[in-house]
Amino acid sequence: MNLEQFLASLSAARCPQSLSPALWALWTEAHGDWHTAHGKVQTDGGVDAAWVHAYLHRREGDLGNAAYWYARAGEPVCRDDLDTEWQAIVASLLA
């Protein structure tokens, strides 16, 4: 799946089953379900999930918790607007 296909999948009622947990969480969050997305990445110990976890806490406004998860992911704290960051994470995870 590429970025264009992922973005097109957002119009579907159900998440594509082939997505990684981190991408699944981003898809779910884009559908307005922050809590379910957060639960998905909270149970995954990988760096991709940590990066999405950081983004979700930033979206929530919990910048201290976000900074912790950026460090766990090995990523710098993002200063871009949230939509730009979301798209950058998706593109990176799909690459």
N, C-alpha and C. Protein backbone atom coordinates (compact mmCIF):
# COMPACT_ATOMS: atom_id res chain seq x y z
N MET A 1 0.85 -1.17 0.00
CA MET A 1 0.00 0.00 0.00
C MET A 1 0.90 1.24 0.00
N ASN A 2 0.51 2.23 -0.79
CA ASN A 2 1.25 3.49 -0.80
C ASN A 2 0.41 4.57 -0.10
N LEU A 3 0.97 5.78 0.01
CA LEU A 3 0.28 6.86 0.72
C LEU A 3 -1.07 7.18 0.08
N GLU A 4 -1.11 7.25 -1.24
CA GLU A 4 -2.37 7.56 -1.93
C GLU A 4 -3.44 6.52 -1.61
N GLN A 5 -3.07 5.26 -1.62
CA GLN A 5 -4.02 4.19 -1.31
C GLN A 5 -4.47 4.26 0.16
N PHE A 6 -3.53 4.57 1.04
CA PHE A 6 -3.88 4.69 2.45
C PHE A 6 -4.88 5.83 2.65
N LEU A 7 -4.60 6.97 2.04
CA LEU A 7 -5.51 8.11 2.16
C LEU A 7 -6.88 7.77 1.59
N ALA A 8 -6.91 7.06 0.47
CA ALA A 8 -8.19 6.66 -0.13
C ALA A 8 -8.94 5.70 0.79
N SER A 9 -8.21 4.88 1.53
CA SER A 9 -8.87 3.91 2.42
C SER A 9 -9.59 4.59 3.58
N LEU A 10 -9.27 5.85 3.83
CA LEU A 10 -9.93 6.57 4.92
C LEU A 10 -11.42 6.79 4.67
N SER A 11 -11.82 6.70 3.41
CA SER A 11 -13.24 6.86 3.10
C SER A 11 -14.04 5.58 3.35
N ALA A 12 -13.36 4.49 3.61
CA ALA A 12 -14.03 3.22 3.89
C ALA A 12 -14.52 3.18 5.33
N ALA A 13 -15.51 2.37 5.58
CA ALA A 13 -16.05 2.23 6.93
C ALA A 13 -15.17 1.34 7.81
N ARG A 14 -14.38 0.48 7.17
CA ARG A 14 -13.53 -0.47 7.92
C ARG A 14 -12.09 -0.30 7.52
N CYS A 15 -11.23 -0.48 8.49
CA CYS A 15 -9.80 -0.36 8.29
C CYS A 15 -9.28 -1.56 7.48
N PRO A 16 -8.37 -1.32 6.53
CA PRO A 16 -7.77 -2.44 5.80
C PRO A 16 -7.06 -3.39 6.78
N GLN A 17 -7.25 -4.66 6.61
CA GLN A 17 -6.70 -5.64 7.54
C GLN A 17 -5.19 -5.83 7.41
N SER A 18 -4.61 -5.38 6.32
CA SER A 18 -3.19 -5.60 6.09
C SER A 18 -2.29 -4.57 6.80
N LEU A 19 -2.86 -3.63 7.52
CA LEU A 19 -2.06 -2.57 8.14
C LEU A 19 -1.34 -3.06 9.39
N SER A 20 -0.15 -2.49 9.60
CA SER A 20 0.58 -2.73 10.84
C SER A 20 -0.19 -2.08 11.99
N PRO A 21 0.10 -2.46 13.23
CA PRO A 21 -0.59 -1.83 14.35
C PRO A 21 -0.43 -0.31 14.38
N ALA A 22 0.74 0.20 14.04
CA ALA A 22 0.96 1.65 14.05
C ALA A 22 0.11 2.34 12.99
N LEU A 23 0.06 1.78 11.79
CA LEU A 23 -0.77 2.36 10.73
C LEU A 23 -2.24 2.21 11.05
N TRP A 24 -2.61 1.08 11.63
CA TRP A 24 -4.00 0.87 12.05
C TRP A 24 -4.41 1.96 13.03
N ALA A 25 -3.52 2.28 13.98
CA ALA A 25 -3.82 3.31 14.97
C ALA A 25 -3.99 4.68 14.30
N LEU A 26 -3.13 5.00 13.34
CA LEU A 26 -3.27 6.28 12.64
C LEU A 26 -4.57 6.33 11.84
N TRP A 27 -4.92 5.23 11.20
CA TRP A 27 -6.18 5.16 10.45
C TRP A 27 -7.36 5.37 11.40
N THR A 28 -7.32 4.70 12.54
CA THR A 28 -8.39 4.78 13.53
C THR A 28 -8.50 6.18 14.11
N GLU A 29 -7.36 6.80 14.40
CA GLU A 29 -7.37 8.16 14.93
C GLU A 29 -7.93 9.14 13.90
N ALA A 30 -7.63 8.92 12.64
CA ALA A 30 -8.16 9.77 11.57
C ALA A 30 -9.69 9.68 11.50
N HIS A 31 -10.23 8.57 11.99
CA HIS A 31 -11.68 8.38 12.04
C HIS A 31 -12.27 8.90 13.35
N GLY A 32 -11.45 9.59 14.13
CA GLY A 32 -11.95 10.23 15.34
C GLY A 32 -11.95 9.38 16.59
N ASP A 33 -11.28 8.23 16.55
CA ASP A 33 -11.28 7.33 17.71
C ASP A 33 -9.89 7.32 18.34
N TRP A 34 -9.56 8.39 19.04
CA TRP A 34 -8.25 8.54 19.67
C TRP A 34 -8.01 7.44 20.69
N HIS A 35 -9.00 7.13 21.51
CA HIS A 35 -8.82 6.16 22.60
C HIS A 35 -8.49 4.76 22.09
N THR A 36 -9.17 4.32 21.06
CA THR A 36 -8.87 3.00 20.50
C THR A 36 -7.49 3.00 19.86
N ALA A 37 -7.16 4.06 19.15
CA ALA A 37 -5.82 4.17 18.54
C ALA A 37 -4.75 4.13 19.62
N HIS A 38 -4.96 4.86 20.69
CA HIS A 38 -3.99 4.89 21.78
C HIS A 38 -3.83 3.51 22.41
N GLY A 39 -4.93 2.82 22.62
CA GLY A 39 -4.86 1.47 23.18
C GLY A 39 -4.05 0.52 22.32
N LYS A 40 -4.17 0.67 21.01
CA LYS A 40 -3.44 -0.21 20.08
C LYS A 40 -1.94 0.00 20.20
N VAL A 41 -1.48 1.25 20.21
CA VAL A 41 -0.04 1.48 20.26
C VAL A 41 0.52 1.30 21.67
N GLN A 42 -0.33 1.44 22.67
CA GLN A 42 0.12 1.28 24.04
C GLN A 42 0.53 -0.17 24.32
N THR A 43 -0.06 -1.11 23.62
CA THR A 43 0.24 -2.52 23.84
C THR A 43 1.33 -3.05 22.90
N ASP A 44 1.84 -2.22 22.01
CA ASP A 44 2.87 -2.63 21.04
C ASP A 44 4.20 -2.01 21.47
N GLY A 45 5.21 -2.81 21.65
CA GLY A 45 6.50 -2.32 22.13
C GLY A 45 7.46 -1.84 21.07
N GLY A 46 7.03 -1.79 19.81
CA GLY A 46 7.93 -1.41 18.73
C GLY A 46 8.14 0.09 18.61
N VAL A 47 9.20 0.46 17.87
CA VAL A 47 9.51 1.88 17.70
C VAL A 47 8.47 2.59 16.84
N ASP A 48 7.87 1.89 15.88
CA ASP A 48 6.82 2.53 15.07
C ASP A 48 5.63 2.90 15.95
N ALA A 49 5.25 1.99 16.82
CA ALA A 49 4.13 2.26 17.73
C ALA A 49 4.50 3.39 18.70
N ALA A 50 5.75 3.44 19.13
CA ALA A 50 6.18 4.52 20.03
C ALA A 50 6.07 5.87 19.33
N TRP A 51 6.41 5.91 18.05
CA TRP A 51 6.31 7.15 17.29
C TRP A 51 4.85 7.61 17.17
N VAL A 52 3.98 6.69 16.86
CA VAL A 52 2.55 7.01 16.78
C VAL A 52 2.02 7.39 18.16
N HIS A 53 2.49 6.70 19.18
CA HIS A 53 2.11 7.00 20.55
C HIS A 53 2.48 8.45 20.88
N ALA A 54 3.67 8.87 20.48
CA ALA A 54 4.10 10.26 20.69
C ALA A 54 3.17 11.24 19.99
N TYR A 55 2.88 10.95 18.74
CA TYR A 55 1.96 11.80 17.97
C TYR A 55 0.60 11.90 18.66
N LEU A 56 0.07 10.77 19.13
CA LEU A 56 -1.25 10.78 19.76
C LEU A 56 -1.25 11.63 21.02
N HIS A 57 -0.18 11.55 21.82
CA HIS A 57 -0.14 12.38 23.02
C HIS A 57 0.05 13.85 22.67
N ARG A 58 0.75 14.12 21.60
CA ARG A 58 0.87 15.50 21.14
C ARG A 58 -0.50 16.01 20.69
N ARG A 59 -1.22 15.20 19.96
CA ARG A 59 -2.58 15.56 19.51
C ARG A 59 -3.47 15.84 20.73
N GLU A 60 -3.29 15.06 21.76
CA GLU A 60 -4.07 15.20 22.99
C GLU A 60 -3.69 16.47 23.76
N GLY A 61 -2.48 16.96 23.50
CA GLY A 61 -2.00 18.14 24.22
C GLY A 61 -1.10 17.81 25.40
N ASP A 62 -0.76 16.53 25.57
CA ASP A 62 0.11 16.09 26.66
C ASP A 62 1.54 16.06 26.13
N LEU A 63 2.18 17.24 26.09
CA LEU A 63 3.48 17.37 25.44
C LEU A 63 4.60 16.67 26.21
N GLY A 64 4.50 16.61 27.53
CA GLY A 64 5.51 15.90 28.31
C GLY A 64 5.51 14.41 28.00
N ASN A 65 4.33 13.81 27.95
CA ASN A 65 4.21 12.40 27.62
C ASN A 65 4.63 12.16 26.17
N ALA A 66 4.26 13.08 25.30
CA ALA A 66 4.67 12.97 23.89
C ALA A 66 6.19 12.95 23.78
N ALA A 67 6.87 13.84 24.51
CA ALA A 67 8.34 13.90 24.45
C ALA A 67 8.96 12.57 24.88
N TYR A 68 8.40 11.95 25.90
CA TYR A 68 8.87 10.64 26.34
C TYR A 68 8.78 9.63 25.21
N TRP A 69 7.64 9.59 24.52
CA TRP A 69 7.43 8.60 23.46
C TRP A 69 8.25 8.92 22.22
N TYR A 70 8.48 10.19 21.92
CA TYR A 70 9.40 10.52 20.82
C TYR A 70 10.79 9.95 21.13
N ALA A 71 11.24 10.12 22.36
CA ALA A 71 12.55 9.59 22.74
C ALA A 71 12.58 8.07 22.61
N ARG A 72 11.51 7.40 23.03
CA ARG A 72 11.44 5.93 22.90
C ARG A 72 11.48 5.50 21.44
N ALA A 73 10.92 6.34 20.57
CA ALA A 73 10.89 6.03 19.14
C ALA A 73 12.19 6.41 18.44
N GLY A 74 13.05 7.16 19.12
CA GLY A 74 14.27 7.64 18.49
C GLY A 74 14.02 8.76 17.50
N GLU A 75 12.94 9.49 17.72
CA GLU A 75 12.54 10.58 16.83
C GLU A 75 12.61 11.91 17.59
N PRO A 76 12.94 12.98 16.87
CA PRO A 76 12.92 14.29 17.54
C PRO A 76 11.47 14.71 17.80
N VAL A 77 11.30 15.53 18.82
CA VAL A 77 9.97 16.08 19.10
C VAL A 77 9.55 16.90 17.89
N CYS A 78 8.38 16.61 17.38
CA CYS A 78 7.90 17.26 16.17
C CYS A 78 7.35 18.64 16.49
N ARG A 79 7.65 19.60 15.63
CA ARG A 79 7.16 20.97 15.77
C ARG A 79 6.21 21.34 14.64
N ASP A 80 6.03 20.42 13.67
CA ASP A 80 5.10 20.67 12.56
C ASP A 80 3.66 20.65 13.07
N ASP A 81 2.75 21.16 12.25
CA ASP A 81 1.35 21.05 12.65
C ASP A 81 0.97 19.57 12.64
N LEU A 82 -0.06 19.24 13.38
CA LEU A 82 -0.43 17.85 13.61
C LEU A 82 -0.80 17.10 12.34
N ASP A 83 -1.50 17.74 11.42
CA ASP A 83 -1.87 17.06 10.18
C ASP A 83 -0.65 16.75 9.32
N THR A 84 0.30 17.66 9.30
CA THR A 84 1.55 17.42 8.56
C THR A 84 2.31 16.27 9.18
N GLU A 85 2.37 16.25 10.50
CA GLU A 85 3.07 15.15 11.18
C GLU A 85 2.38 13.82 10.91
N TRP A 86 1.06 13.79 10.99
CA TRP A 86 0.31 12.55 10.73
C TRP A 86 0.68 12.00 9.36
N GLN A 87 0.65 12.86 8.36
CA GLN A 87 0.93 12.41 6.99
C GLN A 87 2.39 11.96 6.86
N ALA A 88 3.31 12.65 7.53
CA ALA A 88 4.73 12.27 7.47
C ALA A 88 4.95 10.90 8.11
N ILE A 89 4.28 10.65 9.21
CA ILE A 89 4.43 9.33 9.86
C ILE A 89 3.86 8.25 8.97
N VAL A 90 2.67 8.47 8.42
CA VAL A 90 2.07 7.49 7.52
C VAL A 90 3.02 7.20 6.36
N ALA A 91 3.51 8.25 5.70
CA ALA A 91 4.40 8.06 4.55
C ALA A 91 5.64 7.28 4.94
N SER A 92 6.22 7.60 6.08
CA SER A 92 7.41 6.89 6.53
C SER A 92 7.13 5.42 6.82
N LEU A 93 6.03 5.15 7.48
CA LEU A 93 5.69 3.76 7.82
C LEU A 93 5.33 2.93 6.60
N LEU A 94 4.84 3.58 5.57
CA LEU A 94 4.50 2.86 4.34
C LEU A 94 5.71 2.64 3.43
N ALA A 95 6.77 3.42 3.65
CA ALA A 95 7.96 3.34 2.77
C ALA A 95 8.72 2.05 2.97
